[in-house]
Amino acid sequence: MTDTLTGLHLVLLNLNNKTPTKWDFQSETVGEAEYIETCQQHQNFYSLGVYQIFKLQVLYLYGNIDEALKCALATEGLMQYLLGILPVTEYNFYSSLVLAAAYPAATPADRKQYAEKLEVNQQQLKIWADNCPANFQHKYLMVASVMARISGRDLESLELIDRAIASARESEFPQNEALAIYPSFTPRYARLRLGTSSRGSASSSNCNMRLSVS
């Protein structure tokens, strides 16, 4: 329990701007390297896995996809120690978002690997969404949207992200609603929204509201 709380403390210090830089995860008494070494010495891979999952989320939210990808891949081997707990679902969700974000700049070999991991993650996320849509449907739709986007299916991606936003709002997940809105309105998506609005596929009032949010 102590190791778990220490890891969470490092993450919270980072989020509260109480570390030297936004990329640091440390306290006045414990550095990240020391924390990881301590967990390994204790063979406490549960606490280390929980810490890595929260760090993955932070790195993704900061837009540091390279480091988030490294974290996601390094954390994959720890999932066997975390079966049946909520952070596993967060790992599935955020690792998929990271893999999709890293996909366009990846090598062909890495793209194949990322695509396979995305498919496996989505199969599991679909099971969770079918059994508990209030908690997982919006996440499934968000990942489906980014998968469509990296496959070049822009209009399908836009439709899916709209459904994800509505689902997150209905299920009262404002943090994920905000997360869904942000990447969906890059200039390219703004143009797509304006285009569908002019063709009558979306109301101009809805378009203006969504664009102002971004």
Protein backbone atom coordinates (compact mmCIF):
# COMPACT_ATOMS: atom_id res chain seq x y z
CA MET A 1 0.00 0.00 0.00
CA THR A 2 2.85 2.39 0.81
CA ASP A 3 4.40 1.92 -2.63
CA THR A 4 1.04 2.58 -4.30
CA LEU A 5 0.48 5.78 -2.35
CA THR A 6 4.01 6.96 -3.07
CA GLY A 7 3.48 6.49 -6.79
CA LEU A 8 0.18 8.35 -6.73
CA HIS A 9 1.85 11.13 -4.75
CA LEU A 10 4.48 11.55 -7.48
CA VAL A 11 1.77 11.85 -10.12
CA LEU A 12 -0.23 14.35 -8.08
CA LEU A 13 2.84 16.50 -7.47
CA ASN A 14 3.39 16.62 -11.22
CA LEU A 15 -0.20 17.58 -11.96
CA ASN A 16 -0.04 20.32 -9.34
CA ASN A 17 3.07 21.87 -10.89
CA LYS A 18 5.19 20.92 -7.88
CA THR A 19 7.97 19.22 -9.83
CA PRO A 20 10.96 20.93 -11.52
CA THR A 21 9.40 20.44 -14.98
CA LYS A 22 6.20 18.94 -16.33
CA TRP A 23 8.17 15.86 -17.40
CA ASP A 24 9.42 15.10 -13.88
CA PHE A 25 7.74 12.72 -11.45
CA GLN A 26 9.43 13.21 -8.12
CA SER A 27 9.03 14.54 -4.61
CA GLU A 28 11.51 16.28 -2.35
CA THR A 29 12.57 12.91 -0.97
CA VAL A 30 11.89 10.37 -3.74
CA GLY A 31 12.86 10.44 -7.40
CA GLU A 32 11.17 8.37 -10.07
CA ALA A 33 14.17 6.10 -10.64
CA GLU A 34 14.41 5.44 -6.91
CA TYR A 35 10.69 4.72 -6.71
CA ILE A 36 10.82 2.22 -9.59
CA GLU A 37 13.85 0.52 -8.06
CA THR A 38 12.09 0.26 -4.70
CA CYS A 39 9.02 -1.35 -6.31
CA GLN A 40 11.23 -3.83 -8.11
CA GLN A 41 13.13 -4.67 -4.93
CA HIS A 42 9.81 -5.25 -3.15
CA GLN A 43 8.57 -7.20 -6.18
CA ASN A 44 5.60 -4.89 -5.97
CA PHE A 45 4.65 -4.91 -9.63
CA TYR A 46 1.06 -4.06 -8.75
CA SER A 47 2.02 -0.63 -7.40
CA LEU A 48 4.48 -0.05 -10.22
CA GLY A 49 1.81 -0.91 -12.80
CA VAL A 50 -0.72 1.47 -11.25
CA TYR A 51 1.88 4.25 -11.23
CA GLN A 52 2.81 3.63 -14.85
CA ILE A 53 -0.82 3.76 -15.95
CA PHE A 54 -1.37 7.14 -14.31
CA LYS A 55 1.90 8.40 -15.76
CA LEU A 56 0.76 7.21 -19.19
CA GLN A 57 -2.41 9.26 -18.87
CA VAL A 58 -0.48 12.36 -17.84
CA LEU A 59 2.00 12.08 -20.70
CA TYR A 60 -0.82 11.66 -23.22
CA LEU A 61 -2.71 14.65 -21.84
CA TYR A 62 0.49 16.70 -22.10
CA GLY A 63 0.78 15.69 -25.75
CA ASN A 64 4.13 13.92 -25.32
CA ILE A 65 3.27 11.00 -27.55
CA ASP A 66 6.83 9.65 -27.83
CA GLU A 67 7.22 9.30 -24.06
CA ALA A 68 3.63 8.12 -23.66
CA LEU A 69 4.28 5.39 -26.21
CA LYS A 70 7.42 4.26 -24.37
CA CYS A 71 5.43 4.20 -21.14
CA ALA A 72 2.55 2.26 -22.71
CA LEU A 73 4.83 -0.41 -24.17
CA ALA A 74 6.84 -0.70 -20.94
CA THR A 75 3.67 -1.05 -18.88
CA GLU A 76 2.19 -3.80 -21.03
CA GLY A 77 4.19 -6.48 -19.23
CA LEU A 78 2.84 -5.35 -15.86
CA MET A 79 -0.80 -5.94 -16.75
CA GLN A 80 -0.62 -9.54 -15.55
CA TYR A 81 -0.27 -8.18 -11.99
CA LEU A 82 -3.32 -5.92 -12.27
CA LEU A 83 -6.07 -8.23 -13.45
CA GLY A 84 -9.57 -7.34 -12.34
CA ILE A 85 -8.96 -3.76 -11.20
CA LEU A 86 -10.17 -0.49 -12.71
CA PRO A 87 -6.77 0.90 -13.82
CA VAL A 88 -6.57 -1.95 -16.35
CA THR A 89 -9.48 -0.42 -18.23
CA GLU A 90 -7.72 2.94 -18.22
CA TYR A 91 -4.60 1.32 -19.62
CA ASN A 92 -6.63 -0.20 -22.44
CA PHE A 93 -8.19 3.16 -23.27
CA TYR A 94 -5.14 5.41 -23.04
CA SER A 95 -2.72 2.98 -24.63
CA SER A 96 -5.08 2.79 -27.62
CA LEU A 97 -5.20 6.58 -27.89
CA VAL A 98 -1.40 6.69 -27.73
CA LEU A 99 -0.95 3.95 -30.32
CA ALA A 100 -3.33 5.74 -32.68
CA ALA A 101 -1.52 9.05 -32.14
CA ALA A 102 1.86 7.42 -32.84
CA TYR A 103 0.61 5.50 -35.89
CA PRO A 104 1.02 8.15 -38.64
CA ALA A 105 4.74 8.70 -37.98
CA ALA A 106 5.54 5.03 -37.35
CA THR A 107 7.48 2.69 -39.62
CA PRO A 108 5.48 0.13 -41.63
CA ALA A 109 6.54 -2.62 -39.22
CA ASP A 110 5.52 -0.57 -36.20
CA ARG A 111 2.24 0.41 -37.84
CA LYS A 112 1.39 -3.26 -38.23
CA GLN A 113 2.20 -3.88 -34.57
CA TYR A 114 0.20 -0.87 -33.40
CA ALA A 115 -2.80 -1.84 -35.54
CA GLU A 116 -2.79 -5.34 -34.08
CA LYS A 117 -2.63 -3.99 -30.53
CA LEU A 118 -5.46 -1.57 -31.27
CA GLU A 119 -7.66 -4.39 -32.56
CA VAL A 120 -7.01 -6.51 -29.46
CA ASN A 121 -7.70 -3.57 -27.16
CA GLN A 122 -10.93 -2.73 -28.96
CA GLN A 123 -12.17 -6.30 -28.75
CA GLN A 124 -11.83 -6.14 -24.97
CA LEU A 125 -13.21 -2.62 -24.72
CA LYS A 126 -16.25 -3.72 -26.77
CA ILE A 127 -16.96 -6.46 -24.21
CA TRP A 128 -16.82 -3.92 -21.39
CA ALA A 129 -18.96 -1.46 -23.37
CA ASP A 130 -21.60 -4.11 -24.08
CA ASN A 131 -21.76 -5.09 -20.41
CA CYS A 132 -21.51 -1.60 -18.92
CA PRO A 133 -22.24 1.03 -21.57
CA ALA A 134 -22.47 3.88 -19.06
CA ASN A 135 -18.81 3.45 -18.17
CA PHE A 136 -17.27 2.27 -21.41
CA GLN A 137 -19.39 3.05 -24.47
CA HIS A 138 -17.97 6.55 -24.94
CA LYS A 139 -14.42 5.22 -24.61
CA TYR A 140 -15.08 2.53 -27.21
CA LEU A 141 -16.46 5.15 -29.60
CA MET A 142 -13.53 7.51 -28.99
CA VAL A 143 -11.00 4.83 -29.88
CA ALA A 144 -13.10 3.74 -32.86
CA SER A 145 -13.04 7.36 -34.03
CA VAL A 146 -9.27 7.69 -33.94
CA MET A 147 -8.89 4.31 -35.62
CA ALA A 148 -11.15 5.51 -38.44
CA ARG A 149 -9.17 8.74 -38.66
CA ILE A 150 -5.77 7.06 -39.08
CA SER A 151 -7.35 4.83 -41.72
CA GLY A 152 -8.39 7.89 -43.73
CA ARG A 153 -12.13 7.56 -43.01
CA ASP A 154 -12.54 11.16 -41.87
CA LEU A 155 -16.32 11.50 -42.05
CA GLU A 156 -16.84 8.22 -40.21
CA SER A 157 -14.35 9.39 -37.60
CA LEU A 158 -16.24 12.65 -37.14
CA GLU A 159 -19.54 10.81 -36.78
CA LEU A 160 -18.05 8.48 -34.17
CA ILE A 161 -16.52 11.30 -32.13
CA ASP A 162 -19.88 13.10 -32.05
CA ARG A 163 -21.47 9.92 -30.71
CA ALA A 164 -18.65 9.56 -28.17
CA ILE A 165 -19.15 13.12 -26.93
CA ALA A 166 -22.89 12.58 -26.56
CA SER A 167 -22.31 9.28 -24.74
CA ALA A 168 -19.74 10.80 -22.37
CA ARG A 169 -22.09 13.69 -21.62
CA GLU A 170 -25.05 11.37 -20.98
CA SER A 171 -22.96 9.15 -18.69
CA GLU A 172 -21.53 12.18 -16.86
CA PHE A 173 -17.88 11.77 -17.76
CA PRO A 174 -17.01 15.45 -18.34
CA GLN A 175 -13.27 14.79 -18.39
CA ASN A 176 -13.66 12.34 -21.28
CA GLU A 177 -16.16 14.58 -23.03
CA ALA A 178 -13.51 17.31 -22.99
CA LEU A 179 -10.88 14.83 -24.15
CA ALA A 180 -13.10 13.83 -27.06
CA ILE A 181 -13.80 17.41 -28.09
CA TYR A 182 -10.19 18.56 -28.16
CA PRO A 183 -8.68 16.29 -30.86
CA SER A 184 -11.81 16.34 -32.97
CA PHE A 185 -11.50 20.00 -33.84
CA THR A 186 -8.16 20.45 -35.42
CA PRO A 187 -8.49 22.77 -38.46
CA ARG A 188 -9.13 19.74 -40.64
CA TYR A 189 -12.07 18.64 -38.50
CA ALA A 190 -13.41 22.16 -38.29
CA ARG A 191 -13.50 22.24 -42.08
CA LEU A 192 -15.23 18.86 -42.16
CA ARG A 193 -17.84 20.06 -39.67
CA LEU A 194 -18.45 23.23 -41.68
CA GLY A 195 -18.73 21.16 -44.84
CA THR A 196 -21.29 18.76 -43.43
CA SER A 197 -23.23 21.69 -41.97
CA SER A 198 -23.47 23.41 -45.34
CA ARG A 199 -24.85 20.20 -46.82
CA GLY A 200 -27.48 19.97 -44.10
CA SER A 201 -25.91 17.08 -42.23
CA ALA A 202 -25.46 19.20 -39.12
CA SER A 203 -27.15 22.37 -37.98
CA SER A 204 -25.18 25.59 -38.21
CA SER A 205 -26.02 26.38 -34.59
CA ASN A 206 -24.49 23.07 -33.46
CA CYS A 207 -21.44 23.73 -35.62
CA ASN A 208 -20.93 27.19 -34.15
CA MET A 209 -21.32 25.87 -30.62
CA ARG A 210 -18.80 23.09 -31.11
CA LEU A 211 -16.28 25.33 -32.84
CA SER A 212 -16.47 27.88 -30.06
CA VAL A 213 -15.75 25.16 -27.49
CA SER A 214 -12.47 24.36 -29.22
